[in-house]
Protein backbone atom coordinates (compact mmCIF):
# COMPACT_ATOMS: atom_id res chain seq x y z
CA UNK A 1 3.29 -5.77 20.21
CA UNK A 2 0.52 -3.51 18.90
CA UNK A 3 -2.96 -4.29 20.24
CA UNK A 4 -5.38 -5.67 17.68
CA UNK A 5 -8.48 -3.52 17.37
CA UNK A 6 -11.78 -4.94 16.12
CA UNK A 7 -12.26 -4.76 12.37
CA UNK A 8 -15.27 -5.97 10.45
CA UNK A 9 -14.85 -9.42 8.95
CA UNK A 10 -16.46 -10.33 5.66
CA UNK A 11 -19.04 -13.09 5.15
CA UNK A 12 -17.97 -16.32 3.51
CA UNK A 13 -18.46 -16.17 -0.26
CA UNK A 14 -21.47 -17.96 -1.63
CA UNK A 15 -21.36 -20.64 -4.32
CA UNK A 16 -17.84 -21.84 -3.50
CA UNK A 17 -17.10 -25.47 -4.24
CA UNK A 18 -16.72 -27.65 -1.15
CA UNK A 19 -12.98 -27.94 -1.78
CA UNK A 20 -12.51 -24.20 -2.03
CA UNK A 21 -14.65 -23.47 1.01
CA UNK A 22 -12.46 -25.87 2.97
CA UNK A 23 -9.35 -24.16 1.57
CA UNK A 24 -10.61 -20.74 2.69
CA UNK A 25 -11.50 -22.01 6.18
CA UNK A 26 -8.03 -23.55 6.48
CA UNK A 27 -6.46 -20.20 5.50
CA UNK A 28 -8.52 -18.34 8.09
CA UNK A 29 -7.56 -20.82 10.79
CA UNK A 30 -3.87 -20.82 9.85
CA UNK A 31 -3.45 -17.05 9.65
CA UNK A 32 -5.23 -16.75 12.99
CA UNK A 33 -2.36 -18.72 14.55
CA UNK A 34 0.37 -16.44 13.17
CA UNK A 35 2.36 -14.70 15.92
CA UNK A 36 5.56 -13.51 14.22
CA UNK A 37 6.88 -12.50 10.81
CA UNK A 38 8.54 -15.85 9.89
CA UNK A 39 5.22 -17.59 10.53
CA UNK A 40 3.42 -15.01 8.40
CA UNK A 41 5.98 -15.42 5.61
CA UNK A 42 5.57 -19.20 5.74
CA UNK A 43 1.77 -18.93 5.66
CA UNK A 44 1.84 -16.61 2.64
CA UNK A 45 4.29 -18.85 0.79
CA UNK A 46 2.06 -21.86 1.42
CA UNK A 47 -1.02 -19.93 0.31
CA UNK A 48 0.69 -18.70 -2.85
CA UNK A 49 1.50 -22.27 -3.86
CA UNK A 50 -2.24 -23.00 -3.88
CA UNK A 51 -3.08 -20.04 -6.11
CA UNK A 52 -2.78 -19.45 -9.87
CA UNK A 53 -0.53 -16.43 -9.32
CA UNK A 54 3.02 -15.51 -10.23
CA UNK A 55 3.89 -13.03 -7.48
CA UNK A 56 2.50 -12.00 -4.09
CA UNK A 57 3.18 -9.19 -1.63
CA UNK A 58 1.45 -8.07 1.59
CA UNK A 59 1.66 -4.56 3.02
CA UNK A 60 0.44 -2.58 6.01
CA UNK A 61 0.29 1.20 5.73
CA UNK A 62 -1.05 4.49 7.04
CA UNK A 63 -4.22 6.04 5.69
CA UNK A 64 -4.62 9.66 4.69
CA UNK A 65 -7.94 11.54 4.99
CA UNK A 66 -8.97 10.25 1.54
CA UNK A 67 -8.51 6.65 2.75
CA UNK A 68 -5.57 6.15 0.40
CA UNK A 69 -2.37 4.45 1.48
CA UNK A 70 -0.06 7.39 2.12
CA UNK A 71 2.84 5.63 3.82
CA UNK A 72 3.70 1.93 3.93
CA UNK A 73 4.90 0.75 7.32
CA UNK A 74 5.54 -2.94 6.72
CA UNK A 75 6.06 -5.08 3.65
CA UNK A 76 6.11 -8.88 3.54
CA UNK A 77 7.47 -9.79 0.12
CA UNK A 78 6.66 -13.37 -0.82
CA UNK A 79 8.34 -13.37 -4.23
CA UNK A 80 8.10 -9.97 -5.93
CA UNK A 81 11.26 -9.38 -8.02
CA UNK A 82 13.77 -7.70 -5.71
CA UNK A 83 15.12 -5.53 -8.53
CA UNK A 84 11.60 -4.18 -9.05
CA UNK A 85 11.17 -3.46 -5.33
CA UNK A 86 14.50 -1.60 -5.28
CA UNK A 87 13.61 0.34 -8.43
CA UNK A 88 10.17 1.15 -7.01
CA UNK A 89 11.74 2.67 -3.91
CA UNK A 90 14.45 4.58 -5.75
CA UNK A 91 11.95 6.06 -8.22
CA UNK A 92 9.48 6.85 -5.39
CA UNK A 93 6.74 5.11 -7.37
CA UNK A 94 4.44 4.97 -4.35
CA UNK A 95 3.56 8.57 -5.19
CA UNK A 96 2.14 7.65 -8.61
CA UNK A 97 1.03 4.04 -8.12
CA UNK A 98 -2.70 4.04 -9.05
CA UNK A 99 -3.39 1.13 -6.71
CA UNK A 100 -2.20 3.03 -3.63
CA UNK A 101 -4.24 6.06 -4.69
CA UNK A 102 -7.48 4.09 -4.67
CA UNK A 103 -9.61 4.22 -1.47
CA UNK A 104 -8.72 1.24 0.70
CA UNK A 105 -11.27 -1.25 2.00
CA UNK A 106 -13.49 -1.30 -1.06
CA UNK A 107 -13.91 -3.96 -3.74
CA UNK A 108 -10.94 -5.81 -5.28
CA UNK A 109 -8.82 -3.59 -7.53
CA UNK A 110 -8.15 -5.14 -10.93
CA UNK A 111 -4.97 -3.51 -12.16
CA UNK A 112 -5.78 -3.33 -15.86
CA UNK A 113 -9.04 -1.53 -15.08
CA UNK A 114 -7.26 0.88 -12.72
CA UNK A 115 -4.38 1.48 -15.11
CA UNK A 116 -6.80 2.34 -17.91
CA UNK A 117 -7.66 5.58 -16.07
CA UNK A 118 -4.06 6.73 -15.73
CA UNK A 119 -3.59 10.26 -17.02
CA UNK A 120 -0.38 11.77 -15.69
CA UNK A 121 3.00 11.09 -17.33
CA UNK A 122 4.28 9.73 -14.02
CA UNK A 123 1.43 7.23 -13.76
CA UNK A 124 1.97 6.12 -17.35
CA UNK A 125 5.70 5.74 -16.73
CA UNK A 126 4.98 3.62 -13.65
CA UNK A 127 2.60 1.36 -15.56
CA UNK A 128 5.04 0.93 -18.46
CA UNK A 129 7.92 0.04 -16.16
CA UNK A 130 5.84 -2.31 -14.01
CA UNK A 131 4.72 -4.09 -17.19
CA UNK A 132 8.34 -4.43 -18.31
CA UNK A 133 8.99 -6.35 -15.07
CA UNK A 134 6.06 -8.68 -15.78
CA UNK A 135 3.80 -6.86 -13.32
CA UNK A 136 1.23 -5.39 -15.66
CA UNK A 137 -1.72 -7.59 -14.66
CA UNK A 138 -3.02 -8.56 -11.24
CA UNK A 139 -5.49 -7.78 -8.51
CA UNK A 140 -5.20 -6.15 -5.08
CA UNK A 141 -7.36 -6.65 -2.00
CA UNK A 142 -7.53 -4.28 0.94
CA UNK A 143 -9.20 -3.57 4.25
CA UNK A 144 -9.16 -0.26 6.11
CA UNK A 145 -9.26 0.46 9.83
CA UNK A 146 -9.80 4.22 10.25
CA UNK A 147 -9.61 3.95 14.06
CA UNK A 148 -6.12 2.49 13.75
CA UNK A 149 -5.34 4.76 10.81
CA UNK A 150 -4.13 1.64 9.01
CA UNK A 151 -4.92 -0.40 5.94
CA UNK A 152 -3.76 -3.83 4.83
CA UNK A 153 -3.21 -4.59 1.14
CA UNK A 154 -2.36 -7.87 -0.57
CA UNK A 155 -1.47 -7.97 -4.26
CA UNK A 156 -1.21 -10.97 -6.56
CA UNK A 157 -0.14 -10.93 -10.20
CA UNK A 158 -1.06 -12.64 -13.44
CA UNK A 159 -4.00 -12.86 -15.82
CA UNK A 160 -5.14 -16.28 -14.65
CA UNK A 161 -5.96 -15.26 -11.10
CA UNK A 162 -7.96 -12.21 -12.26
CA UNK A 163 -10.25 -14.54 -14.21
CA UNK A 164 -10.87 -16.93 -11.31
CA UNK A 165 -13.74 -15.14 -9.57
CA UNK A 166 -14.03 -17.73 -6.80
CA UNK A 167 -10.40 -17.16 -5.81
CA UNK A 168 -10.98 -13.39 -5.99
CA UNK A 169 -13.91 -13.72 -3.56
CA UNK A 170 -11.84 -15.93 -1.25
CA UNK A 171 -8.98 -13.44 -1.04
CA UNK A 172 -11.42 -10.56 -0.52
CA UNK A 173 -12.85 -12.49 2.44
CA UNK A 174 -9.38 -13.34 3.82
CA UNK A 175 -7.79 -9.87 3.84
CA UNK A 176 -9.30 -8.71 7.20
CA UNK A 177 -7.68 -11.76 8.81
CA UNK A 178 -4.38 -10.83 7.16
CA UNK A 179 -4.77 -7.33 8.59
CA UNK A 180 -5.04 -8.74 12.10
CA UNK A 181 -1.96 -10.89 11.52
CA UNK A 182 0.07 -7.94 10.21
CA UNK A 183 -0.88 -5.81 13.21
CA UNK A 184 0.07 -8.63 15.59
CA UNK A 185 3.56 -9.01 14.13
CA UNK A 186 4.32 -5.33 13.50
CA UNK A 187 5.41 -2.81 16.12
CA UNK A 188 4.44 0.61 14.78
CA UNK A 189 5.84 3.85 16.14
CA UNK A 190 3.22 6.43 17.20
CA UNK A 191 2.29 8.78 14.39
CA UNK A 192 1.01 12.30 15.03
CA UNK A 193 -2.46 12.92 13.55
CA UNK A 194 -1.10 16.12 11.99
CA UNK A 195 1.21 14.05 9.82
CA UNK A 196 -1.77 12.42 8.10
CA UNK A 197 -3.39 15.73 7.26
CA UNK A 198 -1.11 16.13 4.27
CA UNK A 199 -2.63 15.47 0.88
CA UNK A 200 -1.01 13.00 -1.51
CA UNK A 201 0.61 15.86 -3.42
CA UNK A 202 1.88 17.49 -0.23
CA UNK A 203 3.30 14.16 0.86
CA UNK A 204 5.05 13.82 -2.53
CA UNK A 205 6.58 17.25 -2.10
CA UNK A 206 7.61 16.60 1.49
CA UNK A 207 9.38 13.44 0.33
CA UNK A 208 11.61 15.48 -1.99
CA UNK A 209 11.95 18.40 0.46
CA UNK A 210 13.38 16.00 3.03
CA UNK A 211 15.96 14.92 0.47
CA UNK A 212 17.23 18.44 -0.01
CA UNK A 213 15.56 19.18 -3.33
CA UNK A 214 14.82 22.80 -4.21
CA UNK A 215 11.39 23.96 -5.32
CA UNK A 216 12.62 24.07 -8.92
CA UNK A 217 13.98 20.52 -8.69
CA UNK A 218 10.75 19.25 -7.15
CA UNK A 219 8.73 20.95 -9.88
CA UNK A 220 10.87 19.24 -12.50
CA UNK A 221 10.59 15.82 -10.88
CA UNK A 222 6.80 16.02 -10.41
CA UNK A 223 6.20 17.84 -13.70
CA UNK A 224 4.31 20.71 -12.10
CA UNK A 225 5.01 24.44 -11.88
CA UNK A 226 7.41 25.90 -9.34
CA UNK A 227 4.59 28.18 -8.19
CA UNK A 228 2.48 25.13 -7.36
CA UNK A 229 5.36 23.64 -5.38
CA UNK A 230 5.72 26.87 -3.37
CA UNK A 231 1.98 26.78 -2.60
CA UNK A 232 2.18 23.22 -1.29
CA UNK A 233 5.34 23.88 0.71
CA UNK A 234 3.55 26.72 2.49
CA UNK A 235 0.66 24.38 3.30
CA UNK A 236 3.05 21.75 4.65
CA UNK A 237 4.70 24.30 6.93
CA UNK A 238 1.29 25.44 8.17
CA UNK A 239 -0.11 21.95 8.73
CA UNK A 240 2.95 20.80 10.67
CA UNK A 241 2.92 23.99 12.77
CA UNK A 242 6.48 24.69 11.68
CA UNK A 243 8.37 27.97 11.61
CA UNK A 244 9.99 27.43 8.23
CA UNK A 245 10.89 24.81 5.63
CA UNK A 246 13.75 23.27 7.61
CA UNK A 247 11.64 23.11 10.76
CA UNK A 248 8.85 21.42 8.81
CA UNK A 249 11.26 18.74 7.56
CA UNK A 250 12.51 18.03 11.08
CA UNK A 251 8.98 17.87 12.52
CA UNK A 252 7.72 15.74 9.66
CA UNK A 253 10.48 13.17 10.01
CA UNK A 254 9.95 13.06 13.77
CA UNK A 255 6.24 12.39 13.20
CA UNK A 256 6.84 9.54 10.78
CA UNK A 257 6.74 11.22 7.37
CA UNK A 258 9.54 9.09 5.97
CA UNK A 259 10.07 7.45 2.63
CA UNK A 260 7.68 4.54 2.02
CA UNK A 261 9.27 1.12 2.39
CA UNK A 262 8.00 -0.23 -0.92
CA UNK A 263 4.74 -1.10 -2.62
CA UNK A 264 2.97 -3.37 -4.98
CA UNK A 265 3.53 -3.04 -8.65
């Protein structure tokens, strides 16, 4: 079991009704008792039933130097559509999901606000397809632990929950406690610091390199020039202290640069 390192908790929200303050305190107490994944799943299911939300998912992932989630290590899916999760993985949407490319540990991320800034065709495709699965509106909450090189993210969907500002404050306060629970129940393999030196774009390219794609194929998939791909491949080889492309793939996979498990929508 991974040791739990100290992480700053957040103060209780002000102006909560007595009933909601009690609800939050009960959540904090209950999640503090979680010792394994079935208990965590049961806690999240119980919590979801008390919230005006349609779907919920909890994730623990690695941070890159920009404090973005670069690689998800553990996903606890309460009731996200399984066909969406499978599609998300197959399409490698973690590389263009605006939520994952927002610095972790800040204020709640309201999806519609985040999606409004999408510019790339891949981001717009992701948003359109997520919306087609009924995942176009929601809010995500995160906490970051740079010393652990980890961040915890919980996402809930629906318009109703985004309008309930008391619930938003409650979940923002709860997420550090969820982080501790995720760390307690998750055994993470050591990850070389060099692996986290890759930028988001380099990580995207490594993902396709490791699947045998040529520079031309990667350029086509990511809608960038082949020259740009070659530039990033050279940086990947240098950062991983590899001798060549094949060596970089082997080293990267050994150090944990594998395909993300899944992500929120």
